[in-house]
Amino acid sequence: MTQTRPGGGWLARTLQRLTADDSAIDALELREEADRAGCEPVSACRKGAVVTVTGRLKSVVYTPRETVPTLEAELFDGSGSVTLVWLGRRRIPGIEPGRTLTARGRFAQFDGRKVIYNPWYELSAG
């Protein structure tokens, strides 16, 4: 009797990669990297939990405010996106679109967005 694993075997994964579009392949590769790093998928993170996520920065935006300026970066891990928000920061060296990083902090939801405020972060090499 043959047992199947979730996600299929080598042939199923290879066929999936051959027939998928570039964004689906990119998402799959990001998800696999996050799994190897032992990080939670963004899609599985729950409000109030301290989480560690890893992925690629899709956008970085400085938002001047009347009281406290903020730097916001959208992190995509293949399963979903979370906005990393640094309060009181205009710029952080290395925080730029396309960079891969790991972030740790308390997961929140604000105005329907998934957010981690003032996360600890580590930039990946490269």
PDB file of N, CA and C in Angstrom:
ATOM      1  N   MET A   1       0.840  -1.164   0.000  1.00  0.00           N
ATOM      2  CA  MET A   1       0.000   0.000   0.000  1.00  0.00           C
ATOM      3  C   MET A   1       0.894   1.239   0.000  1.00  0.00           C
ATOM      4  N   THR A   2       0.588   2.204  -0.840  1.00  0.00           N
ATOM      5  CA  THR A   2       1.367   3.427  -0.956  1.00  0.00           C
ATOM      6  C   THR A   2       0.746   4.510  -0.103  1.00  0.00           C
ATOM      7  N   GLN A   3       1.574   5.177   0.689  1.00  0.00           N
ATOM      8  CA  GLN A   3       1.080   6.280   1.497  1.00  0.00           C
ATOM      9  C   GLN A   3       1.448   7.580   0.809  1.00  0.00           C
ATOM     10  N   THR A   4       0.547   8.552   0.890  1.00  0.00           N
ATOM     11  CA  THR A   4       0.841   9.854   0.302  1.00  0.00           C
ATOM     12  C   THR A   4       1.011  10.874   1.404  1.00  0.00           C
ATOM     13  N   ARG A   5       1.921  11.780   1.182  1.00  0.00           N
ATOM     14  CA  ARG A   5       2.154  12.863   2.130  1.00  0.00           C
ATOM     15  C   ARG A   5       1.351  14.069   1.698  1.00  0.00           C
ATOM     16  N   PRO A   6       0.981  14.942   2.646  1.00  0.00           N
ATOM     17  CA  PRO A   6       0.337  16.182   2.253  1.00  0.00           C
ATOM     18  C   PRO A   6       1.283  16.952   1.340  1.00  0.00           C
ATOM     19  N   GLY A   7       0.760  17.514   0.261  1.00  0.00           N
ATOM     20  CA  GLY A   7       1.593  18.256  -0.668  1.00  0.00           C
ATOM     21  C   GLY A   7       2.142  17.384  -1.784  1.00  0.00           C
ATOM     22  N   GLY A   8       1.948  16.067  -1.691  1.00  0.00           N
ATOM     23  CA  GLY A   8       2.388  15.165  -2.737  1.00  0.00           C
ATOM     24  C   GLY A   8       3.865  14.872  -2.674  1.00  0.00           C
ATOM     25  N   GLY A   9       4.284  14.041  -3.587  1.00  0.00           N
ATOM     26  CA  GLY A   9       5.689  13.658  -3.660  1.00  0.00           C
ATOM     27  C   GLY A   9       6.465  14.561  -4.590  1.00  0.00           C
ATOM     28  N   TRP A  10       7.660  14.107  -4.915  1.00  0.00           N
ATOM     29  CA  TRP A  10       8.560  14.889  -5.764  1.00  0.00           C
ATOM     30  C   TRP A  10       7.919  15.201  -7.112  1.00  0.00           C
ATOM     31  N   LEU A  11       7.288  14.210  -7.752  1.00  0.00           N
ATOM     32  CA  LEU A  11       6.689  14.407  -9.070  1.00  0.00           C
ATOM     33  C   LEU A  11       5.555  15.431  -9.006  1.00  0.00           C
ATOM     34  N   ALA A  12       4.704  15.343  -8.002  1.00  0.00           N
ATOM     35  CA  ALA A  12       3.591  16.285  -7.870  1.00  0.00           C
ATOM     36  C   ALA A  12       4.109  17.710  -7.664  1.00  0.00           C
ATOM     37  N   ARG A  13       5.146  17.857  -6.816  1.00  0.00           N
ATOM     38  CA  ARG A  13       5.713  19.200  -6.586  1.00  0.00           C
ATOM     39  C   ARG A  13       6.368  19.741  -7.842  1.00  0.00           C
ATOM     40  N   THR A  14       7.054  18.882  -8.588  1.00  0.00           N
ATOM     41  CA  THR A  14       7.706  19.298  -9.829  1.00  0.00           C
ATOM     42  C   THR A  14       6.673  19.731 -10.866  1.00  0.00           C
ATOM     43  N   LEU A  15       5.603  18.956 -11.026  1.00  0.00           N
ATOM     44  CA  LEU A  15       4.538  19.323 -11.964  1.00  0.00           C
ATOM     45  C   LEU A  15       3.873  20.628 -11.555  1.00  0.00           C
ATOM     46  N   GLN A  16       3.679  20.821 -10.250  1.00  0.00           N
ATOM     47  CA  GLN A  16       3.069  22.062  -9.766  1.00  0.00           C
ATOM     48  C   GLN A  16       3.950  23.257 -10.128  1.00  0.00           C
ATOM     49  N   ARG A  17       5.253  23.118  -9.940  1.00  0.00           N
ATOM     50  CA  ARG A  17       6.177  24.214 -10.273  1.00  0.00           C
ATOM     51  C   ARG A  17       6.204  24.496 -11.773  1.00  0.00           C
ATOM     52  N   LEU A  18       6.117  23.448 -12.598  1.00  0.00           N
ATOM     53  CA  LEU A  18       6.162  23.627 -14.047  1.00  0.00           C
ATOM     54  C   LEU A  18       4.919  24.317 -14.588  1.00  0.00           C
ATOM     55  N   THR A  19       3.786  24.134 -13.918  1.00  0.00           N
ATOM     56  CA  THR A  19       2.531  24.699 -14.423  1.00  0.00           C
ATOM     57  C   THR A  19       2.104  25.967 -13.702  1.00  0.00           C
ATOM     58  N   ALA A  20       2.793  26.358 -12.644  1.00  0.00           N
ATOM     59  CA  ALA A  20       2.408  27.541 -11.876  1.00  0.00           C
ATOM     60  C   ALA A  20       2.985  28.806 -12.501  1.00  0.00           C
ATOM     61  N   ASP A  21       2.330  29.944 -12.216  1.00  0.00           N
ATOM     62  CA  ASP A  21       2.871  31.219 -12.692  1.00  0.00           C
ATOM     63  C   ASP A  21       3.976  31.691 -11.737  1.00  0.00           C
ATOM     64  N   ASP A  22       4.697  32.726 -12.140  1.00  0.00           N
ATOM     65  CA  ASP A  22       5.856  33.191 -11.375  1.00  0.00           C
ATOM     66  C   ASP A  22       5.501  33.598  -9.946  1.00  0.00           C
ATOM     67  N   SER A  23       4.370  34.280  -9.763  1.00  0.00           N
ATOM     68  CA  SER A  23       4.015  34.724  -8.415  1.00  0.00           C
ATOM     69  C   SER A  23       3.676  33.544  -7.507  1.00  0.00           C
ATOM     70  N   ALA A  24       3.050  32.508  -8.061  1.00  0.00           N
ATOM     71  CA  ALA A  24       2.739  31.318  -7.261  1.00  0.00           C
ATOM     72  C   ALA A  24       4.020  30.581  -6.876  1.00  0.00           C
ATOM     73  N   ILE A  25       4.972  30.504  -7.798  1.00  0.00           N
ATOM     74  CA  ILE A  25       6.251  29.856  -7.501  1.00  0.00           C
ATOM     75  C   ILE A  25       7.001  30.646  -6.435  1.00  0.00           C
ATOM     76  N   ASP A  26       7.011  31.977  -6.562  1.00  0.00           N
ATOM     77  CA  ASP A  26       7.673  32.827  -5.583  1.00  0.00           C
ATOM     78  C   ASP A  26       7.056  32.638  -4.196  1.00  0.00           C
ATOM     79  N   ALA A  27       5.726  32.603  -4.140  1.00  0.00           N
ATOM     80  CA  ALA A  27       5.039  32.409  -2.858  1.00  0.00           C
ATOM     81  C   ALA A  27       5.382  31.052  -2.259  1.00  0.00           C
ATOM     82  N   LEU A  28       5.424  30.022  -3.083  1.00  0.00           N
ATOM     83  CA  LEU A  28       5.760  28.678  -2.608  1.00  0.00           C
ATOM     84  C   LEU A  28       7.184  28.639  -2.062  1.00  0.00           C
ATOM     85  N   GLU A  29       8.121  29.267  -2.780  1.00  0.00           N
ATOM     86  CA  GLU A  29       9.513  29.288  -2.316  1.00  0.00           C
ATOM     87  C   GLU A  29       9.648  30.066  -1.007  1.00  0.00           C
ATOM     88  N   LEU A  30       8.950  31.203  -0.881  1.00  0.00           N
ATOM     89  CA  LEU A  30       8.992  31.964   0.370  1.00  0.00           C
ATOM     90  C   LEU A  30       8.429  31.142   1.522  1.00  0.00           C
ATOM     91  N   ARG A  31       7.334  30.428   1.271  1.00  0.00           N
ATOM     92  CA  ARG A  31       6.709  29.608   2.311  1.00  0.00           C
ATOM     93  C   ARG A  31       7.654  28.487   2.753  1.00  0.00           C
ATOM     94  N   GLU A  32       8.355  27.868   1.779  1.00  0.00           N
ATOM     95  CA  GLU A  32       9.307  26.806   2.106  1.00  0.00           C
ATOM     96  C   GLU A  32      10.474  27.347   2.923  1.00  0.00           C
ATOM     97  N   GLU A  33      10.969  28.541   2.594  1.00  0.00           N
ATOM     98  CA  GLU A  33      12.052  29.165   3.359  1.00  0.00           C
ATOM     99  C   GLU A  33      11.605  29.441   4.788  1.00  0.00           C
ATOM    100  N   ALA A  34      10.382  29.939   4.950  1.00  0.00           N
ATOM    101  CA  ALA A  34       9.857  30.231   6.278  1.00  0.00           C
ATOM    102  C   ALA A  34       9.706  28.948   7.101  1.00  0.00           C
ATOM    103  N   ASP A  35       9.256  27.875   6.456  1.00  0.00           N
ATOM    104  CA  ASP A  35       9.129  26.589   7.148  1.00  0.00           C
ATOM    105  C   ASP A  35      10.487  26.091   7.630  1.00  0.00           C
ATOM    106  N   ARG A  36      11.511  26.188   6.754  1.00  0.00           N
ATOM    107  CA  ARG A  36      12.860  25.756   7.133  1.00  0.00           C
ATOM    108  C   ARG A  36      13.405  26.587   8.288  1.00  0.00           C
ATOM    109  N   ALA A  37      13.036  27.861   8.340  1.00  0.00           N
ATOM    110  CA  ALA A  37      13.511  28.747   9.405  1.00  0.00           C
ATOM    111  C   ALA A  37      12.728  28.549  10.707  1.00  0.00           C
ATOM    112  N   GLY A  38      11.658  27.761  10.652  1.00  0.00           N
ATOM    113  CA  GLY A  38      10.860  27.503  11.843  1.00  0.00           C
ATOM    114  C   GLY A  38       9.928  28.648  12.207  1.00  0.00           C
ATOM    115  N   CYS A  39       9.566  29.462  11.232  1.00  0.00           N
ATOM    116  CA  CYS A  39       8.698  30.614  11.481  1.00  0.00           C
ATOM    117  C   CYS A  39       7.237  30.280  11.197  1.00  0.00           C
ATOM    118  N   GLU A  40       6.346  31.011  11.880  1.00  0.00           N
ATOM    119  CA  GLU A  40       4.916  30.828  11.666  1.00  0.00           C
ATOM    120  C   GLU A  40       4.504  31.435  10.325  1.00  0.00           C
ATOM    121  N   PRO A  41       3.537  30.806   9.631  1.00  0.00           N
ATOM    122  CA  PRO A  41       2.969  31.449   8.448  1.00  0.00           C
ATOM    123  C   PRO A  41       2.135  32.652   8.897  1.00  0.00           C
ATOM    124  N   VAL A  42       2.219  33.751   8.171  1.00  0.00           N
ATOM    125  CA  VAL A  42       1.430  34.939   8.514  1.00  0.00           C
ATOM    126  C   VAL A  42      -0.049  34.588   8.570  1.00  0.00           C
ATOM    127  N   SER A  43      -0.499  33.731   7.663  1.00  0.00           N
ATOM    128  CA  SER A  43      -1.918  33.360   7.623  1.00  0.00           C
ATOM    129  C   SER A  43      -2.384  32.638   8.888  1.00  0.00           C
ATOM    130  N   ALA A  44      -1.460  32.052   9.659  1.00  0.00           N
ATOM    131  CA  ALA A  44      -1.819  31.309  10.870  1.00  0.00           C
ATOM    132  C   ALA A  44      -1.635  32.137  12.138  1.00  0.00           C
ATOM    133  N   CYS A  45      -1.086  33.337  12.032  1.00  0.00           N
ATOM    134  CA  CYS A  45      -0.838  34.173  13.214  1.00  0.00           C
ATOM    135  C   CYS A  45      -2.153  34.691  13.784  1.00  0.00           C
ATOM    136  N   ARG A  46      -2.231  34.729  15.102  1.00  0.00           N
ATOM    137  CA  ARG A  46      -3.445  35.168  15.789  1.00  0.00           C
ATOM    138  C   ARG A  46      -3.172  36.397  16.635  1.00  0.00           C
ATOM    139  N   LYS A  47      -4.162  37.259  16.704  1.00  0.00           N
ATOM    140  CA  LYS A  47      -4.086  38.506  17.463  1.00  0.00           C
ATOM    141  C   LYS A  47      -3.647  38.254  18.904  1.00  0.00           C
ATOM    142  N   GLY A  48      -2.661  39.018  19.339  1.00  0.00           N
ATOM    143  CA  GLY A  48      -2.168  38.929  20.709  1.00  0.00           C
ATOM    144  C   GLY A  48      -0.999  37.984  20.911  1.00  0.00           C
ATOM    145  N   ALA A  49      -0.738  37.123  19.936  1.00  0.00           N
ATOM    146  CA  ALA A  49       0.355  36.161  20.065  1.00  0.00           C
ATOM    147  C   ALA A  49       1.688  36.811  19.707  1.00  0.00           C
ATOM    148  N   VAL A  50       2.753  36.385  20.398  1.00  0.00           N
ATOM    149  CA  VAL A  50       4.098  36.798  20.016  1.00  0.00           C
ATOM    150  C   VAL A  50       4.547  35.815  18.941  1.00  0.00           C
ATOM    151  N   VAL A  51       4.876  36.356  17.755  1.00  0.00           N
ATOM    152  CA  VAL A  51       5.172  35.510  16.605  1.00  0.00           C
ATOM    153  C   VAL A  51       6.534  35.850  16.014  1.00  0.00           C
ATOM    154  N   THR A  52       7.085  34.894  15.288  1.00  0.00           N
ATOM    155  CA  THR A  52       8.285  35.105  14.492  1.00  0.00           C
ATOM    156  C   THR A  52       7.923  34.761  13.066  1.00  0.00           C
ATOM    157  N   VAL A  53       8.082  35.743  12.171  1.00  0.00           N
ATOM    158  CA  VAL A  53       7.751  35.562  10.761  1.00  0.00           C
ATOM    159  C   VAL A  53       8.960  35.937   9.918  1.00  0.00           C
ATOM    160  N   THR A  54       9.041  35.360   8.744  1.00  0.00           N
ATOM    161  CA  THR A  54      10.114  35.717   7.821  1.00  0.00           C
ATOM    162  C   THR A  54       9.552  35.798   6.423  1.00  0.00           C
ATOM    163  N   GLY A  55      10.117  36.688   5.620  1.00  0.00           N
ATOM    164  CA  GLY A  55       9.633  36.855   4.255  1.00  0.00           C
ATOM    165  C   GLY A  55      10.367  37.975   3.558  1.00  0.00           C
ATOM    166  N   ARG A  56       9.757  38.456   2.490  1.00  0.00           N
ATOM    167  CA  ARG A  56      10.352  39.510   1.670  1.00  0.00           C
ATOM    168  C   ARG A  56       9.536  40.790   1.807  1.00  0.00           C
ATOM    169  N   LEU A  57      10.226  41.920   1.906  1.00  0.00           N
ATOM    170  CA  LEU A  57       9.554  43.211   1.987  1.00  0.00           C
ATOM    171  C   LEU A  57       9.025  43.599   0.611  1.00  0.00           C
ATOM    172  N   LYS A  58       7.719  43.815   0.530  1.00  0.00           N
ATOM    173  CA  LYS A  58       7.098  44.208  -0.737  1.00  0.00           C
ATOM    174  C   LYS A  58       7.098  45.720  -0.906  1.00  0.00           C
ATOM    175  N   SER A  59       6.929  46.445   0.193  1.00  0.00           N
ATOM    176  CA  SER A  59       6.912  47.905   0.120  1.00  0.00           C
ATOM    177  C   SER A  59       7.392  48.479   1.441  1.00  0.00           C
ATOM    178  N   VAL A  60       7.951  49.680   1.362  1.00  0.00           N
ATOM    179  CA  VAL A  60       8.400  50.404   2.552  1.00  0.00           C
ATOM    180  C   VAL A  60       7.944  51.850   2.374  1.00  0.00           C
ATOM    181  N   VAL A  61       7.209  52.356   3.373  1.00  0.00           N
ATOM    182  CA  VAL A  61       6.634  53.691   3.268  1.00  0.00           C
ATOM    183  C   VAL A  61       6.885  54.474   4.545  1.00  0.00           C
ATOM    184  N   TYR A  62       7.389  55.696   4.382  1.00  0.00           N
ATOM    185  CA  TYR A  62       7.517  56.617   5.512  1.00  0.00           C
ATOM    186  C   TYR A  62       6.216  57.404   5.573  1.00  0.00           C
ATOM    187  N   THR A  63       5.579  57.412   6.739  1.00  0.00           N
ATOM    188  CA  THR A  63       4.324  58.120   6.912  1.00  0.00           C
ATOM    189  C   THR A  63       4.498  59.217   7.959  1.00  0.00           C
ATOM    190  N   PRO A  64       4.660  60.469   7.509  1.00  0.00           N
ATOM    191  CA  PRO A  64       4.769  61.541   8.497  1.00  0.00           C
ATOM    192  C   PRO A  64       3.423  61.726   9.198  1.00  0.00           C
ATOM    193  N   ARG A  65       3.455  61.872  10.475  1.00  0.00           N
ATOM    194  CA  ARG A  65       2.238  62.090  11.267  1.00  0.00           C
ATOM    195  C   ARG A  65       2.427  63.375  12.058  1.00  0.00           C
ATOM    196  N   GLU A  66       1.321  63.921  12.555  1.00  0.00           N
ATOM    197  CA  GLU A  66       1.409  65.140  13.353  1.00  0.00           C
ATOM    198  C   GLU A  66       2.152  64.907  14.655  1.00  0.00           C
ATOM    199  N   THR A  67       2.002  63.728  15.223  1.00  0.00           N
ATOM    200  CA  THR A  67       2.642  63.458  16.511  1.00  0.00           C
ATOM    201  C   THR A  67       3.890  62.600  16.377  1.00  0.00           C
ATOM    202  N   VAL A  68       3.737  61.380  15.835  1.00  0.00           N
ATOM    203  CA  VAL A  68       4.860  60.453  15.749  1.00  0.00           C
ATOM    204  C   VAL A  68       5.010  59.958  14.311  1.00  0.00           C
ATOM    205  N   PRO A  69       6.170  60.187  13.671  1.00  0.00           N
ATOM    206  CA  PRO A  69       6.369  59.637  12.331  1.00  0.00           C
ATOM    207  C   PRO A  69       6.461  58.111  12.410  1.00  0.00           C
ATOM    208  N   THR A  70       6.112  57.449  11.316  1.00  0.00           N
ATOM    209  CA  THR A  70       6.187  55.986  11.292  1.00  0.00           C
ATOM    210  C   THR A  70       6.829  55.507  10.007  1.00  0.00           C
ATOM    211  N   LEU A  71       7.509  54.376  10.103  1.00  0.00           N
ATOM    212  CA  LEU A  71       8.037  53.669   8.947  1.00  0.00           C
ATOM    213  C   LEU A  71       7.264  52.362   8.874  1.00  0.00           C
ATOM    214  N   GLU A  72       6.626  52.103   7.740  1.00  0.00           N
ATOM    215  CA  GLU A  72       5.815  50.900   7.569  1.00  0.00           C
ATOM    216  C   GLU A  72       6.370  50.073   6.426  1.00  0.00           C
ATOM    217  N   ALA A  73       6.484  48.766   6.658  1.00  0.00           N
ATOM    218  CA  ALA A  73       6.990  47.851   5.642  1.00  0.00           C
ATOM    219  C   ALA A  73       6.060  46.646   5.551  1.00  0.00           C
ATOM    220  N   GLU A  74       5.651  46.300   4.336  1.00  0.00           N
ATOM    221  CA  GLU A  74       4.795  45.136   4.130  1.00  0.00           C
ATOM    222  C   GLU A  74       5.678  43.914   3.910  1.00  0.00           C
ATOM    223  N   LEU A  75       5.538  42.923   4.792  1.00  0.00           N
ATOM    224  CA  LEU A  75       6.303  41.682   4.728  1.00  0.00           C
ATOM    225  C   LEU A  75       5.401  40.575   4.193  1.00  0.00           C
ATOM    226  N   PHE A  76       5.828  39.934   3.102  1.00  0.00           N
ATOM    227  CA  PHE A  76       5.070  38.834   2.487  1.00  0.00           C
ATOM    228  C   PHE A  76       5.844  37.544   2.661  1.00  0.00           C
ATOM    229  N   ASP A  77       5.166  36.499   3.164  1.00  0.00           N
ATOM    230  CA  ASP A  77       5.854  35.221   3.418  1.00  0.00           C
ATOM    231  C   ASP A  77       5.353  34.072   2.554  1.00  0.00           C
ATOM    232  N   GLY A  78       4.521  34.362   1.580  1.00  0.00           N
ATOM    233  CA  GLY A  78       3.979  33.306   0.729  1.00  0.00           C
ATOM    234  C   GLY A  78       2.592  32.875   1.137  1.00  0.00           C
ATOM    235  N   SER A  79       2.241  33.082   2.413  1.00  0.00           N
ATOM    236  CA  SER A  79       0.899  32.729   2.878  1.00  0.00           C
ATOM    237  C   SER A  79       0.046  33.972   3.100  1.00  0.00           C
ATOM    238  N   GLY A  80       0.695  35.110   3.258  1.00  0.00           N
ATOM    239  CA  GLY A  80      -0.008  36.360   3.516  1.00  0.00           C
ATOM    240  C   GLY A  80       0.973  37.466   3.842  1.00  0.00           C
ATOM    241  N   SER A  81       0.431  38.636   4.142  1.00  0.00           N
ATOM    242  CA  SER A  81       1.268  39.802   4.440  1.00  0.00           C
ATOM    243  C   SER A  81       0.950  40.350   5.818  1.00  0.00           C
ATOM    244  N   VAL A  82       1.979  40.949   6.428  1.00  0.00           N
ATOM    245  CA  VAL A  82       1.827  41.648   7.693  1.00  0.00           C
ATOM    246  C   VAL A  82       2.582  42.972   7.544  1.00  0.00           C
ATOM    247  N   THR A  83       2.026  44.027   8.137  1.00  0.00           N
ATOM    248  CA  THR A  83       2.690  45.324   8.098  1.00  0.00           C
ATOM    249  C   THR A  83       3.543  45.477   9.347  1.00  0.00           C
ATOM    250  N   LEU A  84       4.828  45.731   9.152  1.00  0.00           N
ATOM    251  CA  LEU A  84       5.750  45.994  10.250  1.00  0.00           C
ATOM    252  C   LEU A  84       5.782  47.506  10.426  1.00  0.00           C
ATOM    253  N   VAL A  85       5.535  47.981  11.641  1.00  0.00           N
ATOM    254  CA  VAL A  85       5.449  49.421  11.894  1.00  0.00           C
ATOM    255  C   VAL A  85       6.461  49.810  12.964  1.00  0.00           C
ATOM    256  N   TRP A  86       7.361  50.707  12.590  1.00  0.00           N
ATOM    257  CA  TRP A  86       8.311  51.263  13.552  1.00  0.00           C
ATOM    258  C   TRP A  86       7.880  52.687  13.856  1.00  0.00           C
ATOM    259  N   LEU A  87       7.493  52.924  15.091  1.00  0.00           N
ATOM    260  CA  LEU A  87       7.046  54.253  15.506  1.00  0.00           C
ATOM    261  C   LEU A  87       8.253  55.139  15.784  1.00  0.00           C
ATOM    262  N   GLY A  88       8.177  56.394  15.345  1.00  0.00           N
ATOM    263  CA  GLY A  88       9.243  57.346  15.608  1.00  0.00           C
ATOM    264  C   GLY A  88      10.445  57.204  14.697  1.00  0.00           C
ATOM    265  N   ARG A  89      10.323  56.435  13.629  1.00  0.00           N
ATOM    266  CA  ARG A  89      11.452  56.216  12.712  1.00  0.00           C
ATOM    267  C   ARG A  89      11.107  56.758  11.330  1.00  0.00           C
ATOM    268  N   ARG A  90      12.061  57.422  10.727  1.00  0.00           N
ATOM    269  CA  ARG A  90      11.890  57.909   9.353  1.00  0.00           C
ATOM    270  C   ARG A  90      12.538  56.948   8.359  1.00  0.00           C
ATOM    271  N   ARG A  91      13.608  56.311   8.796  1.00  0.00           N
ATOM    272  CA  ARG A  91      14.345  55.387   7.933  1.00  0.00           C
ATOM    273  C   ARG A  91      15.122  54.420   8.809  1.00  0.00           C
ATOM    274  N   ILE A  92      15.275  53.191   8.327  1.00  0.00           N
ATOM    275  CA  ILE A  92      16.117  52.199   8.987  1.00  0.00           C
ATOM    276  C   ILE A  92      17.008  51.616   7.898  1.00  0.00           C
ATOM    277  N   PRO A  93      18.328  51.729   8.027  1.00  0.00           N
ATOM    278  CA  PRO A  93      19.225  51.174   7.013  1.00  0.00           C
ATOM    279  C   PRO A  93      18.929  49.691   6.758  1.00  0.00           C
ATOM    280  N   GLY A  94      18.821  49.321   5.490  1.00  0.00           N
ATOM    281  CA  GLY A  94      18.570  47.932   5.123  1.00  0.00           C
ATOM    282  C   GLY A  94      17.102  47.580   4.973  1.00  0.00           C
ATOM    283  N   ILE A  95      16.212  48.393   5.522  1.00  0.00           N
ATOM    284  CA  ILE A  95      14.777  48.140   5.376  1.00  0.00           C
ATOM    285  C   ILE A  95      14.353  48.779   4.058  1.00  0.00           C
ATOM    286  N   GLU A  96      14.281  47.940   3.021  1.00  0.00           N
ATOM    287  CA  GLU A  96      13.951  48.420   1.684  1.00  0.00           C
ATOM    288  C   GLU A  96      13.253  47.309   0.920  1.00  0.00           C
ATOM    289  N   PRO A  97      12.420  47.674  -0.074  1.00  0.00           N
ATOM    290  CA  PRO A  97      11.701  46.650  -0.842  1.00  0.00           C
ATOM    291  C   PRO A  97      12.652  45.630  -1.451  1.00  0.00           C
ATOM    292  N   GLY A  98      12.232  44.357  -1.404  1.00  0.00           N
ATOM    293  CA  GLY A  98      13.024  43.272  -1.958  1.00  0.00           C
ATOM    294  C   GLY A  98      13.923  42.581  -0.946  1.00  0.00           C
ATOM    295  N   ARG A  99      14.162  43.202   0.193  1.00  0.00           N
ATOM    296  CA  ARG A  99      15.006  42.594   1.236  1.00  0.00           C
ATOM    297  C   ARG A  99      14.241  41.502   1.954  1.00  0.00           C
ATOM    298  N   THR A 100      14.956  40.475   2.361  1.00  0.00           N
ATOM    299  CA  THR A 100      14.372  39.397   3.143  1.00  0.00           C
ATOM    300  C   THR A 100      14.764  39.609   4.597  1.00  0.00           C
ATOM    301  N   LEU A 101      13.789  39.458   5.484  1.00  0.00           N
ATOM    302  CA  LEU A 101      14.089  39.617   6.904  1.00  0.00           C
ATOM    303  C   LEU A 101      13.200  38.741   7.752  1.00  0.00           C
ATOM    304  N   THR A 102      13.631  38.562   8.992  1.00  0.00           N
ATOM    305  CA  THR A 102      12.860  37.848  10.013  1.00  0.00           C
ATOM    306  C   THR A 102      12.465  38.869  11.054  1.00  0.00           C
ATOM    307  N   ALA A 103      11.197  38.855  11.454  1.00  0.00           N
ATOM    308  CA  ALA A 103      10.683  39.806  12.443  1.00  0.00           C
ATOM    309  C   ALA A 103       9.990  39.051  13.566  1.00  0.00           C
ATOM    310  N   ARG A 104      10.101  39.618  14.778  1.00  0.00           N
ATOM    311  CA  ARG A 104       9.463  39.008  15.948  1.00  0.00           C
ATOM    312  C   ARG A 104       8.772  40.102  16.735  1.00  0.00           C
ATOM    313  N   GLY A 105       7.531  39.828  17.142  1.00  0.00           N
ATOM    314  CA  GLY A 105       6.780  40.792  17.939  1.00  0.00           C
ATOM    315  C   GLY A 105       5.366  40.310  18.187  1.00  0.00           C
ATOM    316  N   ARG A 106       4.592  41.169  18.851  1.00  0.00           N
ATOM    317  CA  ARG A 106       3.203  40.829  19.168  1.00  0.00           C
ATOM    318  C   ARG A 106       2.320  41.137  17.965  1.00  0.00           C
ATOM    319  N   PHE A 107       1.593  40.134  17.521  1.00  0.00           N
ATOM    320  CA  PHE A 107       0.734  40.242  16.344  1.00  0.00           C
ATOM    321  C   PHE A 107      -0.544  40.983  16.721  1.00  0.00           C
ATOM    322  N   ALA A 108      -0.916  41.971  15.924  1.00  0.00           N
ATOM    323  CA  ALA A 108      -2.120  42.758  16.186  1.00  0.00           C
ATOM    324  C   ALA A 108      -2.903  42.926  14.896  1.00  0.00           C
ATOM    325  N   GLN A 109      -4.147  43.368  15.044  1.00  0.00           N
ATOM    326  CA  GLN A 109      -4.949  43.756  13.888  1.00  0.00           C
ATOM    327  C   GLN A 109      -5.488  45.144  14.163  1.00  0.00           C
ATOM    328  N   PHE A 110      -5.298  46.036  13.193  1.00  0.00           N
ATOM    329  CA  PHE A 110      -5.713  47.418  13.344  1.00  0.00           C
ATOM    330  C   PHE A 110      -6.339  47.865  12.032  1.00  0.00           C
ATOM    331  N   ASP A 111      -7.594  48.301  12.084  1.00  0.00           N
ATOM    332  CA  ASP A 111      -8.328  48.709  10.876  1.00  0.00           C
ATOM    333  C   ASP A 111      -8.304  47.628   9.798  1.00  0.00           C
ATOM    334  N   GLY A 112      -8.425  46.365  10.215  1.00  0.00           N
ATOM    335  CA  GLY A 112      -8.462  45.254   9.273  1.00  0.00           C
ATOM    336  C   GLY A 112      -7.107  44.823   8.741  1.00  0.00           C
ATOM    337  N   ARG A 113      -6.028  45.470   9.196  1.00  0.00           N
ATOM    338  CA  ARG A 113      -4.675  45.110   8.752  1.00  0.00           C
ATOM    339  C   ARG A 113      -3.988  44.278   9.813  1.00  0.00           C
ATOM    340  N   LYS A 114      -3.149  43.345   9.355  1.00  0.00           N
ATOM    341  CA  LYS A 114      -2.301  42.571  10.265  1.00  0.00           C
ATOM    342  C   LYS A 114      -1.052  43.395  10.499  1.00  0.00           C
ATOM    343  N   VAL A 115      -0.690  43.595  11.765  1.00  0.00           N
ATOM    344  CA  VAL A 115       0.385  44.523  12.107  1.00  0.00           C
ATOM    345  C   VAL A 115       1.258  43.964  13.227  1.00  0.00           C
ATOM    346  N   ILE A 116       2.555  44.261  13.161  1.00  0.00           N
ATOM    347  CA  ILE A 116       3.466  44.058  14.296  1.00  0.00           C
ATOM    348  C   ILE A 116       4.138  45.406  14.525  1.00  0.00           C
ATOM    349  N   TYR A 117       3.938  45.971  15.713  1.00  0.00           N
ATOM    350  CA  TYR A 117       4.527  47.272  16.044  1.00  0.00           C
ATOM    351  C   TYR A 117       5.918  47.101  16.638  1.00  0.00           C
ATOM    352  N   ASN A 118       6.841  47.950  16.203  1.00  0.00           N
ATOM    353  CA  ASN A 118       8.217  47.985  16.688  1.00  0.00           C
ATOM    354  C   ASN A 118       8.820  46.583  16.833  1.00  0.00           C
ATOM    355  N   PRO A 119       8.814  45.806  15.744  1.00  0.00           N
ATOM    356  CA  PRO A 119       9.323  44.429  15.844  1.00  0.00           C
ATOM    357  C   PRO A 119      10.842  44.396  16.002  1.00  0.00           C
ATOM    358  N   TRP A 120      11.311  43.330  16.677  1.00  0.00           N
ATOM    359  CA  TRP A 120      12.727  42.996  16.608  1.00  0.00           C
ATOM    360  C   TRP A 120      12.893  42.428  15.201  1.00  0.00           C
ATOM    361  N   TYR A 121      13.994  42.714  14.535  1.00  0.00           N
ATOM    362  CA  TYR A 121      14.164  42.201  13.190  1.00  0.00           C
ATOM    363  C   TYR A 121      15.615  41.833  12.929  1.00  0.00           C
ATOM    364  N   GLU A 122      15.805  40.946  11.973  1.00  0.00           N
ATOM    365  CA  GLU A 122      17.134  40.557  11.525  1.00  0.00           C
ATOM    366  C   GLU A 122      17.100  40.484  10.010  1.00  0.00           C
ATOM    367  N   LEU A 123      17.975  41.248   9.365  1.00  0.00           N
ATOM    368  CA  LEU A 123      18.063  41.226   7.908  1.00  0.00           C
ATOM    369  C   LEU A 123      18.814  39.980   7.461  1.00  0.00           C
ATOM    370  N   SER A 124      18.342  39.376   6.380  1.00  0.00           N
ATOM    371  CA  SER A 124      19.037  38.220   5.818  1.00  0.00           C
ATOM    372  C   SER A 124      20.213  38.697   4.987  1.00  0.00           C
ATOM    373  N   ALA A 125      21.214  37.854   4.871  1.00  0.00           N
ATOM    374  CA  ALA A 125      22.393  38.192   4.069  1.00  0.00           C
ATOM    375  C   ALA A 125      22.000  38.347   2.615  1.00  0.00           C
ATOM    376  N   GLY A 126      22.647  39.286   1.949  1.00  0.00           N
ATOM    377  CA  GLY A 126      22.420  39.437   0.520  1.00  0.00           C
ATOM    378  C   GLY A 126      21.726  40.643   0.104  1.00  0.00           C
TER     379      GLY A 126
END
